[in-house]
PDB file of N, CA and C in Angstrom:
ATOM      1  N   MET A   1     -57.159-184.987 168.201  1.00  0.00           N
ATOM      2  CA  MET A   1     -57.317-185.827 169.378  1.00  0.00           C
ATOM      3  C   MET A   1     -57.670-187.245 168.943  1.00  0.00           C
ATOM      4  N   ALA A   2     -57.292-188.219 169.737  1.00  0.00           N
ATOM      5  CA  ALA A   2     -57.521-189.628 169.426  1.00  0.00           C
ATOM      6  C   ALA A   2     -59.013-189.961 169.485  1.00  0.00           C
ATOM      7  N   LYS A   3     -59.383-190.935 168.687  1.00  0.00           N
ATOM      8  CA  LYS A   3     -60.772-191.401 168.650  1.00  0.00           C
ATOM      9  C   LYS A   3     -60.847-192.793 169.251  1.00  0.00           C
ATOM     10  N   ILE A   4     -62.030-193.138 169.721  1.00  0.00           N
ATOM     11  CA  ILE A   4     -62.276-194.458 170.294  1.00  0.00           C
ATOM     12  C   ILE A   4     -63.623-194.945 169.764  1.00  0.00           C
ATOM     13  N   LYS A   5     -63.691-196.224 169.356  1.00  0.00           N
ATOM     14  CA  LYS A   5     -64.929-196.813 168.856  1.00  0.00           C
ATOM     15  C   LYS A   5     -65.546-197.660 169.954  1.00  0.00           C
ATOM     16  N   LEU A   6     -66.826-197.436 170.194  1.00  0.00           N
ATOM     17  CA  LEU A   6     -67.556-198.201 171.201  1.00  0.00           C
ATOM     18  C   LEU A   6     -68.678-198.980 170.547  1.00  0.00           C
ATOM     19  N   LYS A   7     -68.900-200.190 171.032  1.00  0.00           N
ATOM     20  CA  LYS A   7     -70.006-201.017 170.565  1.00  0.00           C
ATOM     21  C   LYS A   7     -70.819-201.442 171.764  1.00  0.00           C
ATOM     22  N   GLN A   8     -72.122-201.312 171.655  1.00  0.00           N
ATOM     23  CA  GLN A   8     -72.993-201.741 172.749  1.00  0.00           C
ATOM     24  C   GLN A   8     -73.195-203.239 172.650  1.00  0.00           C
ATOM     25  N   ILE A   9     -72.848-203.956 173.708  1.00  0.00           N
ATOM     26  CA  ILE A   9     -72.960-205.416 173.714  1.00  0.00           C
ATOM     27  C   ILE A   9     -73.994-205.916 174.715  1.00  0.00           C
ATOM     28  N   GLY A  10     -74.546-205.018 175.521  1.00  0.00           N
ATOM     29  CA  GLY A  10     -75.533-205.412 176.521  1.00  0.00           C
ATOM     30  C   GLY A  10     -76.823-204.627 176.349  1.00  0.00           C
ATOM     31  N   SER A  11     -77.917-205.234 176.728  1.00  0.00           N
ATOM     32  CA  SER A  11     -79.221-204.599 176.598  1.00  0.00           C
ATOM     33  C   SER A  11     -79.513-203.683 177.789  1.00  0.00           C
ATOM     34  N   PRO A  12     -80.154-202.536 177.538  1.00  0.00           N
ATOM     35  CA  PRO A  12     -80.527-201.652 178.636  1.00  0.00           C
ATOM     36  C   PRO A  12     -81.799-202.091 179.372  1.00  0.00           C
ATOM     37  N   ILE A  13     -82.407-203.163 178.920  1.00  0.00           N
ATOM     38  CA  ILE A  13     -83.615-203.660 179.571  1.00  0.00           C
ATOM     39  C   ILE A  13     -83.247-204.191 180.958  1.00  0.00           C
ATOM     40  N   ARG A  14     -84.054-203.865 181.963  1.00  0.00           N
ATOM     41  CA  ARG A  14     -83.854-204.264 183.364  1.00  0.00           C
ATOM     42  C   ARG A  14     -82.562-203.708 183.948  1.00  0.00           C
ATOM     43  N   ARG A  15     -82.139-202.559 183.501  1.00  0.00           N
ATOM     44  CA  ARG A  15     -80.960-201.876 184.050  1.00  0.00           C
ATOM     45  C   ARG A  15     -81.420-200.623 184.775  1.00  0.00           C
ATOM     46  N   PRO A  16     -80.635-200.148 185.729  1.00  0.00           N
ATOM     47  CA  PRO A  16     -80.988-198.907 186.422  1.00  0.00           C
ATOM     48  C   PRO A  16     -81.061-197.722 185.448  1.00  0.00           C
ATOM     49  N   GLU A  17     -81.886-196.771 185.785  1.00  0.00           N
ATOM     50  CA  GLU A  17     -82.093-195.595 184.940  1.00  0.00           C
ATOM     51  C   GLU A  17     -80.779-194.838 184.702  1.00  0.00           C
ATOM     52  N   SER A  18     -79.910-194.803 185.694  1.00  0.00           N
ATOM     53  CA  SER A  18     -78.643-194.087 185.532  1.00  0.00           C
ATOM     54  C   SER A  18     -77.783-194.729 184.439  1.00  0.00           C
ATOM     55  N   GLN A  19     -77.792-196.050 184.327  1.00  0.00           N
ATOM     56  CA  GLN A  19     -77.026-196.722 183.282  1.00  0.00           C
ATOM     57  C   GLN A  19     -77.619-196.455 181.909  1.00  0.00           C
ATOM     58  N   LYS A  20     -78.932-196.393 181.814  1.00  0.00           N
ATOM     59  CA  LYS A  20     -79.580-196.071 180.545  1.00  0.00           C
ATOM     60  C   LYS A  20     -79.201-194.664 180.093  1.00  0.00           C
ATOM     61  N   LYS A  21     -79.138-193.725 181.032  1.00  0.00           N
ATOM     62  CA  LYS A  21     -78.786-192.349 180.699  1.00  0.00           C
ATOM     63  C   LYS A  21     -77.337-192.246 180.229  1.00  0.00           C
ATOM     64  N   ILE A  22     -76.452-193.029 180.830  1.00  0.00           N
ATOM     65  CA  ILE A  22     -75.057-193.029 180.393  1.00  0.00           C
ATOM     66  C   ILE A  22     -74.958-193.548 178.964  1.00  0.00           C
ATOM     67  N   LEU A  23     -75.708-194.606 178.639  1.00  0.00           N
ATOM     68  CA  LEU A  23     -75.705-195.131 177.270  1.00  0.00           C
ATOM     69  C   LEU A  23     -76.178-194.079 176.273  1.00  0.00           C
ATOM     70  N   ILE A  24     -77.251-193.389 176.608  1.00  0.00           N
ATOM     71  CA  ILE A  24     -77.774-192.358 175.718  1.00  0.00           C
ATOM     72  C   ILE A  24     -76.764-191.232 175.562  1.00  0.00           C
ATOM     73  N   GLY A  25     -76.090-190.888 176.641  1.00  0.00           N
ATOM     74  CA  GLY A  25     -75.061-189.853 176.587  1.00  0.00           C
ATOM     75  C   GLY A  25     -73.897-190.231 175.690  1.00  0.00           C
ATOM     76  N   LEU A  26     -73.608-191.518 175.602  1.00  0.00           N
ATOM     77  CA  LEU A  26     -72.541-191.993 174.720  1.00  0.00           C
ATOM     78  C   LEU A  26     -73.007-192.119 173.277  1.00  0.00           C
ATOM     79  N   GLY A  27     -74.303-191.945 173.032  1.00  0.00           N
ATOM     80  CA  GLY A  27     -74.827-192.071 171.671  1.00  0.00           C
ATOM     81  C   GLY A  27     -75.263-193.478 171.331  1.00  0.00           C
ATOM     82  N   LEU A  28     -75.430-194.304 172.362  1.00  0.00           N
ATOM     83  CA  LEU A  28     -75.856-195.686 172.156  1.00  0.00           C
ATOM     84  C   LEU A  28     -77.301-195.833 172.624  1.00  0.00           C
ATOM     85  N   GLY A  29     -77.792-197.047 172.715  1.00  0.00           N
ATOM     86  CA  GLY A  29     -79.148-197.271 173.194  1.00  0.00           C
ATOM     87  C   GLY A  29     -79.760-198.510 172.591  1.00  0.00           C
ATOM     88  N   LYS A  30     -79.252-198.954 171.435  1.00  0.00           N
ATOM     89  CA  LYS A  30     -79.735-200.177 170.810  1.00  0.00           C
ATOM     90  C   LYS A  30     -78.569-201.143 170.664  1.00  0.00           C
ATOM     91  N   MET A  31     -78.866-202.408 170.718  1.00  0.00           N
ATOM     92  CA  MET A  31     -77.842-203.444 170.652  1.00  0.00           C
ATOM     93  C   MET A  31     -77.021-203.355 169.368  1.00  0.00           C
ATOM     94  N   ASN A  32     -75.733-203.636 169.490  1.00  0.00           N
ATOM     95  CA  ASN A  32     -74.778-203.704 168.390  1.00  0.00           C
ATOM     96  C   ASN A  32     -74.551-202.383 167.667  1.00  0.00           C
ATOM     97  N   ARG A  33     -74.988-201.286 168.229  1.00  0.00           N
ATOM     98  CA  ARG A  33     -74.725-199.976 167.635  1.00  0.00           C
ATOM     99  C   ARG A  33     -73.276-199.592 167.926  1.00  0.00           C
ATOM    100  N   VAL A  34     -72.603-198.994 166.947  1.00  0.00           N
ATOM    101  CA  VAL A  34     -71.207-198.582 167.086  1.00  0.00           C
ATOM    102  C   VAL A  34     -71.124-197.073 166.904  1.00  0.00           C
ATOM    103  N   VAL A  35     -70.395-196.414 167.809  1.00  0.00           N
ATOM    104  CA  VAL A  35     -70.178-194.974 167.714  1.00  0.00           C
ATOM    105  C   VAL A  35     -68.682-194.700 167.849  1.00  0.00           C
ATOM    106  N   GLU A  36     -68.244-193.586 167.269  1.00  0.00           N
ATOM    107  CA  GLU A  36     -66.856-193.171 167.377  1.00  0.00           C
ATOM    108  C   GLU A  36     -66.827-191.841 168.117  1.00  0.00           C
ATOM    109  N   LEU A  37     -66.137-191.830 169.260  1.00  0.00           N
ATOM    110  CA  LEU A  37     -66.074-190.654 170.117  1.00  0.00           C
ATOM    111  C   LEU A  37     -64.627-190.257 170.354  1.00  0.00           C
ATOM    112  N   GLU A  38     -64.429-189.022 170.785  1.00  0.00           N
ATOM    113  CA  GLU A  38     -63.085-188.587 171.149  1.00  0.00           C
ATOM    114  C   GLU A  38     -62.689-189.252 172.465  1.00  0.00           C
ATOM    115  N   ASP A  39     -61.429-189.599 172.563  1.00  0.00           N
ATOM    116  CA  ASP A  39     -60.911-190.299 173.733  1.00  0.00           C
ATOM    117  C   ASP A  39     -60.601-189.289 174.839  1.00  0.00           C
ATOM    118  N   THR A  40     -61.616-189.005 175.671  1.00  0.00           N
ATOM    119  CA  THR A  40     -61.456-188.056 176.770  1.00  0.00           C
ATOM    120  C   THR A  40     -61.656-188.773 178.101  1.00  0.00           C
ATOM    121  N   ALA A  41     -61.335-188.085 179.167  1.00  0.00           N
ATOM    122  CA  ALA A  41     -61.510-188.658 180.502  1.00  0.00           C
ATOM    123  C   ALA A  41     -62.984-188.926 180.795  1.00  0.00           C
ATOM    124  N   GLU A  42     -63.874-188.073 180.299  1.00  0.00           N
ATOM    125  CA  GLU A  42     -65.306-188.257 180.529  1.00  0.00           C
ATOM    126  C   GLU A  42     -65.804-189.534 179.866  1.00  0.00           C
ATOM    127  N   VAL A  43     -65.376-189.771 178.627  1.00  0.00           N
ATOM    128  CA  VAL A  43     -65.791-190.973 177.905  1.00  0.00           C
ATOM    129  C   VAL A  43     -65.211-192.209 178.592  1.00  0.00           C
ATOM    130  N   ARG A  44     -63.946-192.153 179.006  1.00  0.00           N
ATOM    131  CA  ARG A  44     -63.333-193.286 179.702  1.00  0.00           C
ATOM    132  C   ARG A  44     -64.058-193.590 181.012  1.00  0.00           C
ATOM    133  N   GLY A  45     -64.499-192.563 181.710  1.00  0.00           N
ATOM    134  CA  GLY A  45     -65.248-192.763 182.947  1.00  0.00           C
ATOM    135  C   GLY A  45     -66.584-193.429 182.709  1.00  0.00           C
ATOM    136  N   ALA A  46     -67.263-193.031 181.625  1.00  0.00           N
ATOM    137  CA  ALA A  46     -68.548-193.646 181.283  1.00  0.00           C
ATOM    138  C   ALA A  46     -68.354-195.115 180.917  1.00  0.00           C
ATOM    139  N   ILE A  47     -67.285-195.412 180.190  1.00  0.00           N
ATOM    140  CA  ILE A  47     -66.987-196.801 179.829  1.00  0.00           C
ATOM    141  C   ILE A  47     -66.714-197.626 181.087  1.00  0.00           C
ATOM    142  N   ALA A  48     -66.022-197.044 182.044  1.00  0.00           N
ATOM    143  CA  ALA A  48     -65.706-197.747 183.290  1.00  0.00           C
ATOM    144  C   ALA A  48     -66.959-198.072 184.092  1.00  0.00           C
ATOM    145  N   LYS A  49     -68.011-197.271 183.947  1.00  0.00           N
ATOM    146  CA  LYS A  49     -69.252-197.535 184.675  1.00  0.00           C
ATOM    147  C   LYS A  49     -70.108-198.595 183.998  1.00  0.00           C
ATOM    148  N   LEU A  50     -69.843-198.891 182.718  1.00  0.00           N
ATOM    149  CA  LEU A  50     -70.653-199.855 181.975  1.00  0.00           C
ATOM    150  C   LEU A  50     -69.807-200.936 181.301  1.00  0.00           C
ATOM    151  N   PRO A  51     -68.886-201.577 182.007  1.00  0.00           N
ATOM    152  CA  PRO A  51     -68.043-202.571 181.327  1.00  0.00           C
ATOM    153  C   PRO A  51     -68.825-203.786 180.845  1.00  0.00           C
ATOM    154  N   HIS A  52     -70.002-204.030 181.425  1.00  0.00           N
ATOM    155  CA  HIS A  52     -70.825-205.172 181.054  1.00  0.00           C
ATOM    156  C   HIS A  52     -71.742-204.865 179.864  1.00  0.00           C
ATOM    157  N   MET A  53     -71.780-203.606 179.427  1.00  0.00           N
ATOM    158  CA  MET A  53     -72.680-203.232 178.334  1.00  0.00           C
ATOM    159  C   MET A  53     -71.981-202.618 177.137  1.00  0.00           C
ATOM    160  N   VAL A  54     -70.709-202.213 177.292  1.00  0.00           N
ATOM    161  CA  VAL A  54     -70.003-201.505 176.229  1.00  0.00           C
ATOM    162  C   VAL A  54     -68.644-202.142 176.021  1.00  0.00           C
ATOM    163  N   ALA A  55     -68.246-202.295 174.751  1.00  0.00           N
ATOM    164  CA  ALA A  55     -66.925-202.833 174.419  1.00  0.00           C
ATOM    165  C   ALA A  55     -66.202-201.845 173.511  1.00  0.00           C
ATOM    166  N   VAL A  56     -64.888-201.752 173.688  1.00  0.00           N
ATOM    167  CA  VAL A  56     -64.069-200.915 172.807  1.00  0.00           C
ATOM    168  C   VAL A  56     -63.706-201.768 171.596  1.00  0.00           C
ATOM    169  N   VAL A  57     -63.994-201.228 170.396  1.00  0.00           N
ATOM    170  CA  VAL A  57     -63.758-201.940 169.142  1.00  0.00           C
ATOM    171  C   VAL A  57     -62.623-201.252 168.403  1.00  0.00           C
ATOM    172  N   ASP A  58     -61.753-202.033 167.771  1.00  0.00           N
ATOM    173  CA  ASP A  58     -60.665-201.454 166.988  1.00  0.00           C
ATOM    174  C   ASP A  58     -61.024-201.362 165.527  1.00  0.00           C
TER     175      ASP A  58
END
């Protein structure tokens, strides 16, 4: 299955608790952290909810 790299570009400080939980679920939580996840509909949905905090890196 295809992989996707995510980088956290926004801080979770002063964000709603639900957004913080989504970041933790993606394996992020600290600035500039990069994770590689499988490209699934669930991951794409989480990215869509946090476009201001997460960037797709090649």
